[in-house]
PDB file of N, CA and C in Angstrom:
ATOM      1  N   UNK A   1       0.842  -1.181   0.000  1.00  0.00           N
ATOM      2  CA  UNK A   1       0.000   0.000   0.000  1.00  0.00           C
ATOM      3  C   UNK A   1       0.888   1.245   0.000  1.00  0.00           C
ATOM      4  N   UNK A   2       0.637   2.185  -0.919  1.00  0.00           N
ATOM      5  CA  UNK A   2       1.466   3.386  -0.989  1.00  0.00           C
ATOM      6  C   UNK A   2       1.264   4.258   0.252  1.00  0.00           C
ATOM      7  N   UNK A   3       2.277   5.065   0.578  1.00  0.00           N
ATOM      8  CA  UNK A   3       2.148   5.943   1.734  1.00  0.00           C
ATOM      9  C   UNK A   3       1.112   7.043   1.479  1.00  0.00           C
ATOM     10  N   UNK A   4       0.652   7.652   2.550  1.00  0.00           N
ATOM     11  CA  UNK A   4      -0.346   8.715   2.480  1.00  0.00           C
ATOM     12  C   UNK A   4       0.335  10.070   2.653  1.00  0.00           C
ATOM     13  N   UNK A   5      -0.107  11.038   1.899  1.00  0.00           N
ATOM     14  CA  UNK A   5       0.429  12.390   2.014  1.00  0.00           C
ATOM     15  C   UNK A   5       0.016  12.963   3.360  1.00  0.00           C
ATOM     16  N   UNK A   6       1.002  13.506   4.083  1.00  0.00           N
ATOM     17  CA  UNK A   6       0.702  14.083   5.395  1.00  0.00           C
ATOM     18  C   UNK A   6       0.689  15.611   5.389  1.00  0.00           C
ATOM     19  N   UNK A   7       1.368  16.235   4.415  1.00  0.00           N
ATOM     20  CA  UNK A   7       1.395  17.697   4.343  1.00  0.00           C
ATOM     21  C   UNK A   7       1.873  18.140   2.968  1.00  0.00           C
ATOM     22  N   UNK A   8       1.455  19.333   2.576  1.00  0.00           N
ATOM     23  CA  UNK A   8       1.908  19.945   1.325  1.00  0.00           C
ATOM     24  C   UNK A   8       2.257  21.392   1.633  1.00  0.00           C
ATOM     25  N   UNK A   9       3.477  21.799   1.268  1.00  0.00           N
ATOM     26  CA  UNK A   9       3.938  23.161   1.516  1.00  0.00           C
ATOM     27  C   UNK A   9       4.554  23.718   0.242  1.00  0.00           C
ATOM     28  N   UNK A  10       4.284  24.968  -0.040  1.00  0.00           N
ATOM     29  CA  UNK A  10       4.826  25.613  -1.234  1.00  0.00           C
ATOM     30  C   UNK A  10       5.927  26.586  -0.839  1.00  0.00           C
ATOM     31  N   UNK A  11       7.074  26.457  -1.503  1.00  0.00           N
ATOM     32  CA  UNK A  11       8.185  27.396  -1.311  1.00  0.00           C
ATOM     33  C   UNK A  11       8.379  28.162  -2.615  1.00  0.00           C
ATOM     34  N   UNK A  12       9.440  28.925  -2.704  1.00  0.00           N
ATOM     35  CA  UNK A  12       9.689  29.708  -3.913  1.00  0.00           C
ATOM     36  C   UNK A  12       9.897  28.833  -5.144  1.00  0.00           C
ATOM     37  N   UNK A  13      10.592  27.686  -4.962  1.00  0.00           N
ATOM     38  CA  UNK A  13      10.964  26.851  -6.105  1.00  0.00           C
ATOM     39  C   UNK A  13      10.190  25.543  -6.228  1.00  0.00           C
ATOM     40  N   UNK A  14       9.723  25.003  -5.107  1.00  0.00           N
ATOM     41  CA  UNK A  14       9.105  23.678  -5.106  1.00  0.00           C
ATOM     42  C   UNK A  14       7.800  23.645  -4.332  1.00  0.00           C
ATOM     43  N   UNK A  15       6.994  22.643  -4.685  1.00  0.00           N
ATOM     44  CA  UNK A  15       5.897  22.239  -3.817  1.00  0.00           C
ATOM     45  C   UNK A  15       6.402  20.977  -3.140  1.00  0.00           C
ATOM     46  N   UNK A  16       6.512  21.023  -1.826  1.00  0.00           N
ATOM     47  CA  UNK A  16       7.081  19.947  -1.022  1.00  0.00           C
ATOM     48  C   UNK A  16       5.919  19.069  -0.537  1.00  0.00           C
ATOM     49  N   UNK A  17       5.845  17.853  -1.083  1.00  0.00           N
ATOM     50  CA  UNK A  17       4.777  16.919  -0.715  1.00  0.00           C
ATOM     51  C   UNK A  17       5.368  15.918   0.273  1.00  0.00           C
ATOM     52  N   UNK A  18       4.960  16.039   1.532  1.00  0.00           N
ATOM     53  CA  UNK A  18       5.538  15.215   2.595  1.00  0.00           C
ATOM     54  C   UNK A  18       4.667  13.980   2.845  1.00  0.00           C
ATOM     55  N   UNK A  19       5.344  12.850   2.935  1.00  0.00           N
ATOM     56  CA  UNK A  19       4.681  11.588   3.262  1.00  0.00           C
ATOM     57  C   UNK A  19       4.949  11.164   4.702  1.00  0.00           C
ATOM     58  N   UNK A  20       6.172  11.361   5.148  1.00  0.00           N
ATOM     59  CA  UNK A  20       6.559  10.931   6.493  1.00  0.00           C
ATOM     60  C   UNK A  20       7.370  12.030   7.175  1.00  0.00           C
ATOM     61  N   UNK A  21       7.297  12.061   8.499  1.00  0.00           N
ATOM     62  CA  UNK A  21       8.018  13.046   9.301  1.00  0.00           C
ATOM     63  C   UNK A  21       9.523  12.802   9.164  1.00  0.00           C
ATOM     64  N   UNK A  22      10.301  13.821   8.795  1.00  0.00           N
ATOM     65  CA  UNK A  22      11.743  13.624   8.654  1.00  0.00           C
ATOM     66  C   UNK A  22      12.414  13.229   9.972  1.00  0.00           C
ATOM     67  N   UNK A  23      11.828  13.603  11.096  1.00  0.00           N
ATOM     68  CA  UNK A  23      12.399  13.250  12.402  1.00  0.00           C
ATOM     69  C   UNK A  23      12.303  11.756  12.701  1.00  0.00           C
ATOM     70  N   UNK A  24      11.520  11.016  11.910  1.00  0.00           N
ATOM     71  CA  UNK A  24      11.373   9.574  12.111  1.00  0.00           C
ATOM     72  C   UNK A  24      12.556   8.790  11.536  1.00  0.00           C
ATOM     73  N   UNK A  25      13.465   9.496  10.850  1.00  0.00           N
ATOM     74  CA  UNK A  25      14.572   8.836  10.172  1.00  0.00           C
ATOM     75  C   UNK A  25      15.924   9.245  10.747  1.00  0.00           C
ATOM     76  N   UNK A  26      16.854   8.300  10.679  1.00  0.00           N
ATOM     77  CA  UNK A  26      18.232   8.588  11.079  1.00  0.00           C
ATOM     78  C   UNK A  26      19.000   9.247   9.943  1.00  0.00           C
ATOM     79  N   UNK A  27      18.649   8.889   8.706  1.00  0.00           N
ATOM     80  CA  UNK A  27      19.315   9.438   7.521  1.00  0.00           C
ATOM     81  C   UNK A  27      18.261   9.769   6.480  1.00  0.00           C
ATOM     82  N   UNK A  28      18.500  10.846   5.747  1.00  0.00           N
ATOM     83  CA  UNK A  28      17.647  11.190   4.610  1.00  0.00           C
ATOM     84  C   UNK A  28      18.575  11.480   3.437  1.00  0.00           C
ATOM     85  N   UNK A  29      18.239  10.886   2.287  1.00  0.00           N
ATOM     86  CA  UNK A  29      19.036  11.064   1.073  1.00  0.00           C
ATOM     87  C   UNK A  29      18.132  11.330  -0.121  1.00  0.00           C
ATOM     88  N   UNK A  30      18.738  11.864  -1.144  1.00  0.00           N
ATOM     89  CA  UNK A  30      18.063  12.049  -2.428  1.00  0.00           C
ATOM     90  C   UNK A  30      18.811  11.186  -3.435  1.00  0.00           C
ATOM     91  N   UNK A  31      18.447   9.911  -3.539  1.00  0.00           N
ATOM     92  CA  UNK A  31      19.206   8.998  -4.398  1.00  0.00           C
ATOM     93  C   UNK A  31      18.987   9.255  -5.887  1.00  0.00           C
ATOM     94  N   UNK A  32      20.032   8.990  -6.669  1.00  0.00           N
ATOM     95  CA  UNK A  32      19.967   9.183  -8.118  1.00  0.00           C
ATOM     96  C   UNK A  32      18.878   8.337  -8.766  1.00  0.00           C
ATOM     97  N   UNK A  33      18.743   7.077  -8.334  1.00  0.00           N
ATOM     98  CA  UNK A  33      17.751   6.199  -8.964  1.00  0.00           C
ATOM     99  C   UNK A  33      16.330   6.750  -8.770  1.00  0.00           C
ATOM    100  N   UNK A  34      16.056   7.349  -7.613  1.00  0.00           N
ATOM    101  CA  UNK A  34      14.732   7.913  -7.367  1.00  0.00           C
ATOM    102  C   UNK A  34      14.545   9.209  -8.154  1.00  0.00           C
ATOM    103  N   UNK A  35      15.617   9.990  -8.272  1.00  0.00           N
ATOM    104  CA  UNK A  35      15.541  11.228  -9.047  1.00  0.00           C
ATOM    105  C   UNK A  35      15.246  10.938 -10.516  1.00  0.00           C
ATOM    106  N   UNK A  36      15.835   9.880 -11.044  1.00  0.00           N
ATOM    107  CA  UNK A  36      15.565   9.510 -12.442  1.00  0.00           C
ATOM    108  C   UNK A  36      14.103   9.157 -12.640  1.00  0.00           C
ATOM    109  N   UNK A  37      13.550   8.393 -11.717  1.00  0.00           N
ATOM    110  CA  UNK A  37      12.128   8.036 -11.799  1.00  0.00           C
ATOM    111  C   UNK A  37      11.258   9.285 -11.683  1.00  0.00           C
ATOM    112  N   UNK A  38      11.621  10.173 -10.757  1.00  0.00           N
ATOM    113  CA  UNK A  38      10.850  11.401 -10.545  1.00  0.00           C
ATOM    114  C   UNK A  38      10.884  12.291 -11.782  1.00  0.00           C
ATOM    115  N   UNK A  39      12.068  12.437 -12.373  1.00  0.00           N
ATOM    116  CA  UNK A  39      12.211  13.294 -13.550  1.00  0.00           C
ATOM    117  C   UNK A  39      11.470  12.750 -14.759  1.00  0.00           C
ATOM    118  N   UNK A  40      11.244  11.442 -14.784  1.00  0.00           N
ATOM    119  CA  UNK A  40      10.491  10.877 -15.903  1.00  0.00           C
ATOM    120  C   UNK A  40       9.011  11.246 -15.817  1.00  0.00           C
ATOM    121  N   UNK A  41       8.563  11.665 -14.645  1.00  0.00           N
ATOM    122  CA  UNK A  41       7.180  12.106 -14.453  1.00  0.00           C
ATOM    123  C   UNK A  41       7.091  13.628 -14.596  1.00  0.00           C
ATOM    124  N   UNK A  42       7.979  14.353 -13.912  1.00  0.00           N
ATOM    125  CA  UNK A  42       7.995  15.813 -13.978  1.00  0.00           C
ATOM    126  C   UNK A  42       9.444  16.284 -13.868  1.00  0.00           C
ATOM    127  N   UNK A  43       9.941  16.900 -14.926  1.00  0.00           N
ATOM    128  CA  UNK A  43      11.331  17.349 -14.972  1.00  0.00           C
ATOM    129  C   UNK A  43      11.667  18.220 -13.764  1.00  0.00           C
ATOM    130  N   UNK A  44      12.791  17.913 -13.116  1.00  0.00           N
ATOM    131  CA  UNK A  44      13.252  18.692 -11.982  1.00  0.00           C
ATOM    132  C   UNK A  44      12.758  18.207 -10.633  1.00  0.00           C
ATOM    133  N   UNK A  45      11.888  17.208 -10.625  1.00  0.00           N
ATOM    134  CA  UNK A  45      11.376  16.670  -9.358  1.00  0.00           C
ATOM    135  C   UNK A  45      12.451  15.874  -8.643  1.00  0.00           C
ATOM    136  N   UNK A  46      12.338  15.804  -7.324  1.00  0.00           N
ATOM    137  CA  UNK A  46      13.274  15.052  -6.503  1.00  0.00           C
ATOM    138  C   UNK A  46      12.501  14.222  -5.482  1.00  0.00           C
ATOM    139  N   UNK A  47      13.111  13.135  -5.069  1.00  0.00           N
ATOM    140  CA  UNK A  47      12.531  12.281  -4.033  1.00  0.00           C
ATOM    141  C   UNK A  47      13.521  12.182  -2.889  1.00  0.00           C
ATOM    142  N   UNK A  48      13.066  12.466  -1.704  1.00  0.00           N
ATOM    143  CA  UNK A  48      13.892  12.271  -0.511  1.00  0.00           C
ATOM    144  C   UNK A  48      13.460  10.974   0.143  1.00  0.00           C
ATOM    145  N   UNK A  49      14.439  10.140   0.430  1.00  0.00           N
ATOM    146  CA  UNK A  49      14.156   8.865   1.088  1.00  0.00           C
ATOM    147  C   UNK A  49      14.814   8.848   2.459  1.00  0.00           C
ATOM    148  N   UNK A  50      14.205   8.105   3.373  1.00  0.00           N
ATOM    149  CA  UNK A  50      14.725   8.046   4.727  1.00  0.00           C
ATOM    150  C   UNK A  50      14.957   6.617   5.174  1.00  0.00           C
ATOM    151  N   UNK A  51      15.934   6.475   6.084  1.00  0.00           N
ATOM    152  CA  UNK A  51      16.298   5.175   6.649  1.00  0.00           C
ATOM    153  C   UNK A  51      16.202   5.260   8.167  1.00  0.00           C
ATOM    154  N   UNK A  52      15.596   4.237   8.751  1.00  0.00           N
ATOM    155  CA  UNK A  52      15.510   4.155  10.206  1.00  0.00           C
ATOM    156  C   UNK A  52      16.638   3.278  10.720  1.00  0.00           C
ATOM    157  N   UNK A  53      17.191   3.612  11.859  1.00  0.00           N
ATOM    158  CA  UNK A  53      18.287   2.834  12.439  1.00  0.00           C
ATOM    159  C   UNK A  53      17.859   1.391  12.650  1.00  0.00           C
ATOM    160  N   UNK A  54      18.742   0.457  12.261  1.00  0.00           N
ATOM    161  CA  UNK A  54      18.469  -0.960  12.433  1.00  0.00           C
ATOM    162  C   UNK A  54      17.594  -1.551  11.351  1.00  0.00           C
ATOM    163  N   UNK A  55      17.293  -0.776  10.306  1.00  0.00           N
ATOM    164  CA  UNK A  55      16.427  -1.232   9.225  1.00  0.00           C
ATOM    165  C   UNK A  55      17.162  -0.983   7.908  1.00  0.00           C
ATOM    166  N   UNK A  56      17.178  -1.945   7.028  1.00  0.00           N
ATOM    167  CA  UNK A  56      17.860  -1.788   5.746  1.00  0.00           C
ATOM    168  C   UNK A  56      16.974  -1.160   4.670  1.00  0.00           C
ATOM    169  N   UNK A  57      15.701  -0.971   4.969  1.00  0.00           N
ATOM    170  CA  UNK A  57      14.767  -0.424   3.985  1.00  0.00           C
ATOM    171  C   UNK A  57      14.790   1.101   3.990  1.00  0.00           C
ATOM    172  N   UNK A  58      14.644   1.673   2.806  1.00  0.00           N
ATOM    173  CA  UNK A  58      14.534   3.119   2.646  1.00  0.00           C
ATOM    174  C   UNK A  58      13.109   3.415   2.207  1.00  0.00           C
ATOM    175  N   UNK A  59      12.534   4.470   2.768  1.00  0.00           N
ATOM    176  CA  UNK A  59      11.143   4.831   2.499  1.00  0.00           C
ATOM    177  C   UNK A  59      11.072   6.261   1.967  1.00  0.00           C
ATOM    178  N   UNK A  60      10.072   6.533   1.134  1.00  0.00           N
ATOM    179  CA  UNK A  60       9.876   7.882   0.637  1.00  0.00           C
ATOM    180  C   UNK A  60       9.496   8.771   1.811  1.00  0.00           C
ATOM    181  N   UNK A  61      10.290   9.812   2.008  1.00  0.00           N
ATOM    182  CA  UNK A  61       9.978  10.793   3.046  1.00  0.00           C
ATOM    183  C   UNK A  61       9.175  11.935   2.424  1.00  0.00           C
ATOM    184  N   UNK A  62       9.630  12.414   1.250  1.00  0.00           N
ATOM    185  CA  UNK A  62       8.919  13.495   0.583  1.00  0.00           C
ATOM    186  C   UNK A  62       9.285  13.556  -0.896  1.00  0.00           C
ATOM    187  N   UNK A  63       8.453  14.261  -1.638  1.00  0.00           N
ATOM    188  CA  UNK A  63       8.692  14.506  -3.063  1.00  0.00           C
ATOM    189  C   UNK A  63       8.666  16.011  -3.257  1.00  0.00           C
ATOM    190  N   UNK A  64       9.663  16.521  -3.950  1.00  0.00           N
ATOM    191  CA  UNK A  64       9.720  17.937  -4.281  1.00  0.00           C
ATOM    192  C   UNK A  64       9.368  18.099  -5.754  1.00  0.00           C
ATOM    193  N   UNK A  65       8.294  18.826  -6.009  1.00  0.00           N
ATOM    194  CA  UNK A  65       7.809  19.052  -7.370  1.00  0.00           C
ATOM    195  C   UNK A  65       8.081  20.519  -7.719  1.00  0.00           C
ATOM    196  N   UNK A  66       8.815  20.784  -8.802  1.00  0.00           N
ATOM    197  CA  UNK A  66       9.071  22.170  -9.179  1.00  0.00           C
ATOM    198  C   UNK A  66       7.761  22.932  -9.397  1.00  0.00           C
ATOM    199  N   UNK A  67       7.752  24.177  -8.995  1.00  0.00           N
ATOM    200  CA  UNK A  67       6.525  24.971  -9.120  1.00  0.00           C
ATOM    201  C   UNK A  67       6.085  25.110 -10.566  1.00  0.00           C
ATOM    202  N   UNK A  68       7.033  25.081 -11.513  1.00  0.00           N
ATOM    203  CA  UNK A  68       6.632  25.201 -12.919  1.00  0.00           C
ATOM    204  C   UNK A  68       6.081  23.891 -13.484  1.00  0.00           C
ATOM    205  N   UNK A  69       6.148  22.804 -12.700  1.00  0.00           N
ATOM    206  CA  UNK A  69       5.606  21.512 -13.135  1.00  0.00           C
ATOM    207  C   UNK A  69       4.221  21.238 -12.548  1.00  0.00           C
ATOM    208  N   UNK A  70       3.766  22.128 -11.652  1.00  0.00           N
ATOM    209  CA  UNK A  70       2.465  21.954 -11.021  1.00  0.00           C
ATOM    210  C   UNK A  70       1.809  23.319 -10.866  1.00  0.00           C
ATOM    211  N   UNK A  71       0.597  23.456 -11.378  1.00  0.00           N
ATOM    212  CA  UNK A  71      -0.095  24.745 -11.329  1.00  0.00           C
ATOM    213  C   UNK A  71      -0.529  25.117  -9.914  1.00  0.00           C
ATOM    214  N   UNK A  72      -0.726  24.084  -9.074  1.00  0.00           N
ATOM    215  CA  UNK A  72      -1.178  24.335  -7.708  1.00  0.00           C
ATOM    216  C   UNK A  72      -0.832  23.120  -6.835  1.00  0.00           C
ATOM    217  N   UNK A  73      -1.174  23.185  -5.560  1.00  0.00           N
ATOM    218  CA  UNK A  73      -0.842  22.090  -4.644  1.00  0.00           C
ATOM    219  C   UNK A  73      -1.562  20.795  -5.012  1.00  0.00           C
ATOM    220  N   UNK A  74      -2.765  20.885  -5.541  1.00  0.00           N
ATOM    221  CA  UNK A  74      -3.486  19.692  -5.974  1.00  0.00           C
ATOM    222  C   UNK A  74      -2.762  18.975  -7.101  1.00  0.00           C
ATOM    223  N   UNK A  75      -2.266  19.749  -8.065  1.00  0.00           N
ATOM    224  CA  UNK A  75      -1.485  19.168  -9.164  1.00  0.00           C
ATOM    225  C   UNK A  75      -0.212  18.528  -8.627  1.00  0.00           C
ATOM    226  N   UNK A  76       0.429  19.197  -7.670  1.00  0.00           N
ATOM    227  CA  UNK A  76       1.662  18.657  -7.088  1.00  0.00           C
ATOM    228  C   UNK A  76       1.401  17.338  -6.373  1.00  0.00           C
ATOM    229  N   UNK A  77       0.275  17.237  -5.706  1.00  0.00           N
ATOM    230  CA  UNK A  77      -0.104  15.970  -5.056  1.00  0.00           C
ATOM    231  C   UNK A  77      -0.204  14.846  -6.091  1.00  0.00           C
ATOM    232  N   UNK A  78      -0.865  15.140  -7.210  1.00  0.00           N
ATOM    233  CA  UNK A  78      -1.024  14.137  -8.271  1.00  0.00           C
ATOM    234  C   UNK A  78       0.326  13.716  -8.838  1.00  0.00           C
ATOM    235  N   UNK A  79       1.197  14.680  -9.083  1.00  0.00           N
ATOM    236  CA  UNK A  79       2.532  14.375  -9.605  1.00  0.00           C
ATOM    237  C   UNK A  79       3.298  13.515  -8.597  1.00  0.00           C
ATOM    238  N   UNK A  80       3.258  13.904  -7.320  1.00  0.00           N
ATOM    239  CA  UNK A  80       3.967  13.155  -6.280  1.00  0.00           C
ATOM    240  C   UNK A  80       3.443  11.726  -6.180  1.00  0.00           C
ATOM    241  N   UNK A  81       2.138  11.562  -6.234  1.00  0.00           N
ATOM    242  CA  UNK A  81       1.572  10.211  -6.146  1.00  0.00           C
ATOM    243  C   UNK A  81       1.975   9.358  -7.349  1.00  0.00           C
ATOM    244  N   UNK A  82       2.054   9.968  -8.522  1.00  0.00           N
ATOM    245  CA  UNK A  82       2.503   9.234  -9.708  1.00  0.00           C
ATOM    246  C   UNK A  82       3.966   8.815  -9.560  1.00  0.00           C
ATOM    247  N   UNK A  83       4.784   9.697  -8.997  1.00  0.00           N
ATOM    248  CA  UNK A  83       6.195   9.383  -8.779  1.00  0.00           C
ATOM    249  C   UNK A  83       6.336   8.238  -7.775  1.00  0.00           C
ATOM    250  N   UNK A  84       5.618   8.312  -6.675  1.00  0.00           N
ATOM    251  CA  UNK A  84       5.700   7.259  -5.645  1.00  0.00           C
ATOM    252  C   UNK A  84       5.234   5.932  -6.232  1.00  0.00           C
ATOM    253  N   UNK A  85       4.189   5.943  -7.043  1.00  0.00           N
ATOM    254  CA  UNK A  85       3.707   4.708  -7.685  1.00  0.00           C
ATOM    255  C   UNK A  85       4.777   4.146  -8.621  1.00  0.00           C
ATOM    256  N   UNK A  86       5.461   5.027  -9.333  1.00  0.00           N
ATOM    257  CA  UNK A  86       6.501   4.584 -10.258  1.00  0.00           C
ATOM    258  C   UNK A  86       7.679   3.950  -9.514  1.00  0.00           C
ATOM    259  N   UNK A  87       8.016   4.516  -8.346  1.00  0.00           N
ATOM    260  CA  UNK A  87       9.096   3.958  -7.536  1.00  0.00           C
ATOM    261  C   UNK A  87       8.693   2.592  -6.980  1.00  0.00           C
ATOM    262  N   UNK A  88       7.411   2.450  -6.739  1.00  0.00           N
ATOM    263  CA  UNK A  88       6.910   1.146  -6.299  1.00  0.00           C
ATOM    264  C   UNK A  88       6.818   0.958  -4.805  1.00  0.00           C
ATOM    265  N   UNK A  89       6.739   2.064  -4.074  1.00  0.00           N
ATOM    266  CA  UNK A  89       6.579   1.889  -2.620  1.00  0.00           C
ATOM    267  C   UNK A  89       5.127   1.692  -2.285  1.00  0.00           C
TER     268      UNK A  89
END
């Protein structure tokens, strides 16, 4: 089952679609393999993944959608959900 969006925030450059609290992770990274998948949906998008101590699995923490790739927060949600589905979480 894919993760649920917990918050959406708009900054100057991105719409930040958060799935999980960053404080729940020991490490957060933006891996190249996830960025490639994200860019295939919306150019310039990024995926932040997090790792919990003692666990080898990485989970989507958030998706950053460029403001020029989404007209509003609703569009950014749709783009983020498509990216997460493509990654397969």
